[in-house]
Amino acid sequence: MGFHLPRIVQLKRSFSNKNQAASNVPKGYVAVYVGDEIQMKRFVIPVSYLNQPSFQELLSQAEEEFGFDHPMGALTIPCREEAFLDLISRLNASR
């Protein structure tokens, strides 16, 4: 009845890497992944954008496609990157 320490260390490193990625998001911001299954790009946006009606529409689409199980470990939005950048630029202009 022995312990497999290399596996525990490996799991600890994996958990640590996920925490490091999460810590790269400043307070008041959230990481989102945008794109299709083939190519996803990570963006860090202000949390306040989540309440905007135009952003709510994207969130509804994400809920329909992914439910609450996001394969990337963060909010995943299934839209073209260009459409997302257009929305973000409009939201930035209205701030």
N, C-alpha and C. Protein backbone atom coordinates (compact mmCIF):
# COMPACT_ATOMS: atom_id res chain seq x y z
N MET A 1 0.84 -1.17 0.00
CA MET A 1 0.00 0.00 0.00
C MET A 1 0.89 1.24 0.00
N GLY A 2 1.36 1.63 -1.16
CA GLY A 2 2.25 2.79 -1.23
C GLY A 2 1.57 3.95 -1.93
N PHE A 3 2.19 5.08 -1.78
CA PHE A 3 1.68 6.29 -2.43
C PHE A 3 2.50 6.55 -3.68
N HIS A 4 1.88 7.06 -4.68
CA HIS A 4 2.56 7.40 -5.91
C HIS A 4 2.84 8.90 -5.91
N LEU A 5 3.94 9.29 -5.31
CA LEU A 5 4.27 10.70 -5.17
C LEU A 5 4.44 11.43 -6.50
N PRO A 6 5.04 10.82 -7.52
CA PRO A 6 5.16 11.56 -8.78
C PRO A 6 3.80 12.01 -9.32
N ARG A 7 2.78 11.19 -9.16
CA ARG A 7 1.44 11.56 -9.63
C ARG A 7 0.89 12.73 -8.81
N ILE A 8 1.10 12.72 -7.51
CA ILE A 8 0.63 13.82 -6.67
C ILE A 8 1.33 15.11 -7.05
N VAL A 9 2.62 15.06 -7.27
CA VAL A 9 3.37 16.24 -7.68
C VAL A 9 2.86 16.74 -9.03
N GLN A 10 2.60 15.82 -9.94
CA GLN A 10 2.11 16.18 -11.26
C GLN A 10 0.74 16.87 -11.15
N LEU A 11 -0.15 16.34 -10.33
CA LEU A 11 -1.46 16.95 -10.13
C LEU A 11 -1.32 18.33 -9.50
N LYS A 12 -0.39 18.46 -8.55
CA LYS A 12 -0.17 19.74 -7.89
C LYS A 12 0.32 20.77 -8.90
N ARG A 13 1.22 20.40 -9.80
CA ARG A 13 1.71 21.32 -10.83
C ARG A 13 0.57 21.74 -11.75
N SER A 14 -0.26 20.79 -12.13
CA SER A 14 -1.39 21.08 -13.00
C SER A 14 -2.32 22.08 -12.34
N PHE A 15 -2.64 21.87 -11.07
CA PHE A 15 -3.50 22.78 -10.33
C PHE A 15 -2.85 24.14 -10.19
N SER A 16 -1.55 24.17 -9.94
CA SER A 16 -0.81 25.42 -9.80
C SER A 16 -0.82 26.22 -11.09
N ASN A 17 -0.65 25.56 -12.24
CA ASN A 17 -0.68 26.26 -13.52
C ASN A 17 -2.04 26.88 -13.78
N LYS A 18 -3.12 26.21 -13.41
CA LYS A 18 -4.46 26.77 -13.58
C LYS A 18 -4.63 28.00 -12.70
N ASN A 19 -4.11 27.95 -11.48
CA ASN A 19 -4.21 29.10 -10.59
C ASN A 19 -3.40 30.28 -11.12
N GLN A 20 -2.24 30.01 -11.72
CA GLN A 20 -1.43 31.09 -12.28
C GLN A 20 -2.18 31.77 -13.42
N ALA A 21 -2.84 31.01 -14.27
CA ALA A 21 -3.60 31.59 -15.37
C ALA A 21 -4.72 32.46 -14.83
N ALA A 22 -5.40 32.00 -13.79
CA ALA A 22 -6.48 32.77 -13.20
C ALA A 22 -5.96 34.03 -12.53
N SER A 23 -4.77 33.97 -11.97
CA SER A 23 -4.23 35.14 -11.29
C SER A 23 -3.75 36.21 -12.27
N ASN A 24 -3.66 35.89 -13.56
CA ASN A 24 -3.28 36.88 -14.56
C ASN A 24 -4.43 37.79 -14.92
N VAL A 25 -5.59 37.58 -14.34
CA VAL A 25 -6.76 38.40 -14.60
C VAL A 25 -6.87 39.41 -13.47
N PRO A 26 -6.78 40.71 -13.79
CA PRO A 26 -6.86 41.73 -12.74
C PRO A 26 -8.24 41.76 -12.09
N LYS A 27 -8.29 42.29 -10.90
CA LYS A 27 -9.55 42.43 -10.19
C LYS A 27 -10.49 43.32 -11.01
N GLY A 28 -11.75 42.89 -11.11
CA GLY A 28 -12.73 43.65 -11.87
C GLY A 28 -12.80 43.25 -13.33
N TYR A 29 -12.04 42.22 -13.70
CA TYR A 29 -12.02 41.73 -15.09
C TYR A 29 -12.32 40.24 -15.10
N VAL A 30 -12.65 39.73 -16.27
CA VAL A 30 -12.92 38.31 -16.43
C VAL A 30 -12.30 37.84 -17.74
N ALA A 31 -11.80 36.62 -17.74
CA ALA A 31 -11.24 36.04 -18.96
C ALA A 31 -12.35 35.34 -19.72
N VAL A 32 -12.37 35.54 -21.03
CA VAL A 32 -13.32 34.85 -21.90
C VAL A 32 -12.56 34.28 -23.08
N TYR A 33 -13.05 33.16 -23.59
CA TYR A 33 -12.49 32.57 -24.81
C TYR A 33 -13.50 32.77 -25.92
N VAL A 34 -13.01 33.24 -27.06
CA VAL A 34 -13.87 33.57 -28.19
C VAL A 34 -13.41 32.79 -29.41
N GLY A 35 -14.37 32.28 -30.16
CA GLY A 35 -14.04 31.59 -31.40
C GLY A 35 -14.81 30.29 -31.53
N ASP A 36 -14.36 29.49 -32.46
CA ASP A 36 -15.00 28.19 -32.68
C ASP A 36 -14.14 27.10 -32.04
N GLU A 37 -14.56 25.88 -32.19
CA GLU A 37 -13.85 24.77 -31.55
C GLU A 37 -12.42 24.61 -32.05
N ILE A 38 -12.17 25.04 -33.27
CA ILE A 38 -10.85 24.87 -33.87
C ILE A 38 -9.85 25.88 -33.30
N GLN A 39 -10.28 27.13 -33.18
CA GLN A 39 -9.36 28.16 -32.72
C GLN A 39 -10.07 29.10 -31.75
N MET A 40 -9.62 29.08 -30.51
CA MET A 40 -10.14 29.96 -29.48
C MET A 40 -9.07 30.97 -29.11
N LYS A 41 -9.49 32.21 -28.85
CA LYS A 41 -8.56 33.24 -28.41
C LYS A 41 -9.05 33.78 -27.08
N ARG A 42 -8.13 34.02 -26.16
CA ARG A 42 -8.45 34.49 -24.82
C ARG A 42 -8.43 36.01 -24.78
N PHE A 43 -9.47 36.58 -24.16
CA PHE A 43 -9.55 38.02 -23.95
C PHE A 43 -9.84 38.27 -22.48
N VAL A 44 -9.36 39.38 -21.96
CA VAL A 44 -9.67 39.79 -20.59
C VAL A 44 -10.46 41.09 -20.71
N ILE A 45 -11.70 41.05 -20.22
CA ILE A 45 -12.60 42.19 -20.37
C ILE A 45 -13.11 42.63 -19.01
N PRO A 46 -13.57 43.88 -18.90
CA PRO A 46 -14.16 44.34 -17.63
C PRO A 46 -15.44 43.56 -17.30
N VAL A 47 -15.62 43.25 -16.05
CA VAL A 47 -16.81 42.53 -15.59
C VAL A 47 -18.07 43.32 -15.93
N SER A 48 -17.99 44.64 -15.94
CA SER A 48 -19.16 45.47 -16.21
C SER A 48 -19.76 45.19 -17.59
N TYR A 49 -18.98 44.69 -18.53
CA TYR A 49 -19.50 44.37 -19.86
C TYR A 49 -20.54 43.26 -19.81
N LEU A 50 -20.46 42.41 -18.80
CA LEU A 50 -21.38 41.28 -18.71
C LEU A 50 -22.83 41.71 -18.53
N ASN A 51 -23.05 42.94 -18.06
CA ASN A 51 -24.40 43.45 -17.86
C ASN A 51 -24.97 44.17 -19.07
N GLN A 52 -24.17 44.43 -20.07
CA GLN A 52 -24.62 45.16 -21.26
C GLN A 52 -25.53 44.27 -22.11
N PRO A 53 -26.66 44.83 -22.61
CA PRO A 53 -27.60 44.02 -23.41
C PRO A 53 -26.95 43.33 -24.61
N SER A 54 -26.06 44.01 -25.30
CA SER A 54 -25.42 43.39 -26.47
C SER A 54 -24.53 42.22 -26.05
N PHE A 55 -23.90 42.35 -24.90
CA PHE A 55 -23.06 41.25 -24.41
C PHE A 55 -23.93 40.12 -23.88
N GLN A 56 -25.09 40.47 -23.31
CA GLN A 56 -26.02 39.46 -22.82
C GLN A 56 -26.46 38.52 -23.95
N GLU A 57 -26.60 39.07 -25.16
CA GLU A 57 -26.97 38.24 -26.31
C GLU A 57 -25.90 37.19 -26.58
N LEU A 58 -24.63 37.59 -26.51
CA LEU A 58 -23.54 36.62 -26.69
C LEU A 58 -23.55 35.57 -25.58
N LEU A 59 -23.85 36.00 -24.37
CA LEU A 59 -23.90 35.06 -23.25
C LEU A 59 -25.04 34.05 -23.44
N SER A 60 -26.15 34.50 -24.00
CA SER A 60 -27.26 33.58 -24.28
C SER A 60 -26.85 32.53 -25.30
N GLN A 61 -26.12 32.97 -26.33
CA GLN A 61 -25.63 32.02 -27.34
C GLN A 61 -24.66 31.02 -26.71
N ALA A 62 -23.81 31.51 -25.82
CA ALA A 62 -22.85 30.63 -25.15
C ALA A 62 -23.58 29.61 -24.29
N GLU A 63 -24.64 30.06 -23.62
CA GLU A 63 -25.41 29.14 -22.77
C GLU A 63 -26.08 28.06 -23.62
N GLU A 64 -26.61 28.45 -24.79
CA GLU A 64 -27.26 27.48 -25.67
C GLU A 64 -26.27 26.44 -26.17
N GLU A 65 -25.05 26.90 -26.49
CA GLU A 65 -24.07 25.98 -27.07
C GLU A 65 -23.34 25.14 -26.03
N PHE A 66 -22.96 25.77 -24.91
CA PHE A 66 -22.12 25.09 -23.93
C PHE A 66 -22.82 24.80 -22.60
N GLY A 67 -23.96 25.42 -22.33
CA GLY A 67 -24.57 25.28 -21.01
C GLY A 67 -23.63 25.91 -19.99
N PHE A 68 -23.47 25.26 -18.87
CA PHE A 68 -22.56 25.78 -17.86
C PHE A 68 -21.26 24.99 -17.80
N ASP A 69 -21.05 24.11 -18.75
CA ASP A 69 -19.82 23.32 -18.83
C ASP A 69 -18.94 23.93 -19.92
N HIS A 70 -18.02 24.79 -19.52
CA HIS A 70 -17.16 25.47 -20.48
C HIS A 70 -15.86 24.69 -20.62
N PRO A 71 -15.60 24.13 -21.81
CA PRO A 71 -14.46 23.24 -22.00
C PRO A 71 -13.11 23.91 -21.80
N MET A 72 -13.03 25.22 -21.94
CA MET A 72 -11.75 25.91 -21.79
C MET A 72 -11.46 26.28 -20.34
N GLY A 73 -12.40 26.04 -19.43
CA GLY A 73 -12.18 26.38 -18.03
C GLY A 73 -12.55 27.81 -17.71
N ALA A 74 -12.97 28.56 -18.68
CA ALA A 74 -13.42 29.94 -18.49
C ALA A 74 -14.63 30.13 -19.39
N LEU A 75 -15.23 31.28 -19.30
CA LEU A 75 -16.38 31.59 -20.13
C LEU A 75 -16.00 31.47 -21.60
N THR A 76 -16.76 30.68 -22.35
CA THR A 76 -16.47 30.44 -23.76
C THR A 76 -17.61 31.02 -24.59
N ILE A 77 -17.28 31.88 -25.56
CA ILE A 77 -18.29 32.55 -26.38
C ILE A 77 -18.11 32.10 -27.83
N PRO A 78 -19.14 31.45 -28.38
CA PRO A 78 -19.04 30.92 -29.74
C PRO A 78 -19.41 31.96 -30.80
N CYS A 79 -18.48 32.83 -31.11
CA CYS A 79 -18.71 33.80 -32.19
C CYS A 79 -17.39 34.08 -32.89
N ARG A 80 -17.46 34.72 -34.03
CA ARG A 80 -16.23 35.08 -34.74
C ARG A 80 -15.47 36.14 -33.94
N GLU A 81 -14.18 36.06 -33.98
CA GLU A 81 -13.34 37.01 -33.25
C GLU A 81 -13.62 38.45 -33.70
N GLU A 82 -13.83 38.65 -35.00
CA GLU A 82 -14.08 39.99 -35.53
C GLU A 82 -15.36 40.59 -34.93
N ALA A 83 -16.41 39.77 -34.82
CA ALA A 83 -17.68 40.23 -34.24
C ALA A 83 -17.49 40.59 -32.77
N PHE A 84 -16.72 39.79 -32.05
CA PHE A 84 -16.45 40.07 -30.64
C PHE A 84 -15.67 41.37 -30.49
N LEU A 85 -14.63 41.55 -31.30
CA LEU A 85 -13.83 42.77 -31.23
C LEU A 85 -14.67 44.00 -31.58
N ASP A 86 -15.58 43.87 -32.53
CA ASP A 86 -16.47 44.97 -32.88
C ASP A 86 -17.35 45.34 -31.68
N LEU A 87 -17.91 44.34 -31.03
CA LEU A 87 -18.74 44.59 -29.85
C LEU A 87 -17.94 45.25 -28.75
N ILE A 88 -16.75 44.75 -28.48
CA ILE A 88 -15.91 45.31 -27.42
C ILE A 88 -15.53 46.75 -27.74
N SER A 89 -15.23 47.04 -28.99
CA SER A 89 -14.87 48.43 -29.35
C SER A 89 -16.07 49.36 -29.16
N ARG A 90 -17.28 48.89 -29.48
CA ARG A 90 -18.48 49.71 -29.24
C ARG A 90 -18.71 49.92 -27.74
N LEU A 91 -18.49 48.87 -26.94
CA LEU A 91 -18.64 49.01 -25.49
C LEU A 91 -17.59 49.95 -24.91
N ASN A 92 -16.36 49.88 -25.44
CA ASN A 92 -15.30 50.79 -24.98
C ASN A 92 -15.66 52.23 -25.30
N ALA A 93 -16.24 52.47 -26.47
CA ALA A 93 -16.59 53.84 -26.89
C ALA A 93 -17.71 54.42 -26.02
N SER A 94 -18.57 53.55 -25.51
CA SER A 94 -19.70 54.03 -24.70
C SER A 94 -19.35 54.21 -23.23
N ARG A 95 -18.14 53.93 -22.83
CA ARG A 95 -17.73 54.07 -21.41
C ARG A 95 -17.56 55.49 -21.04
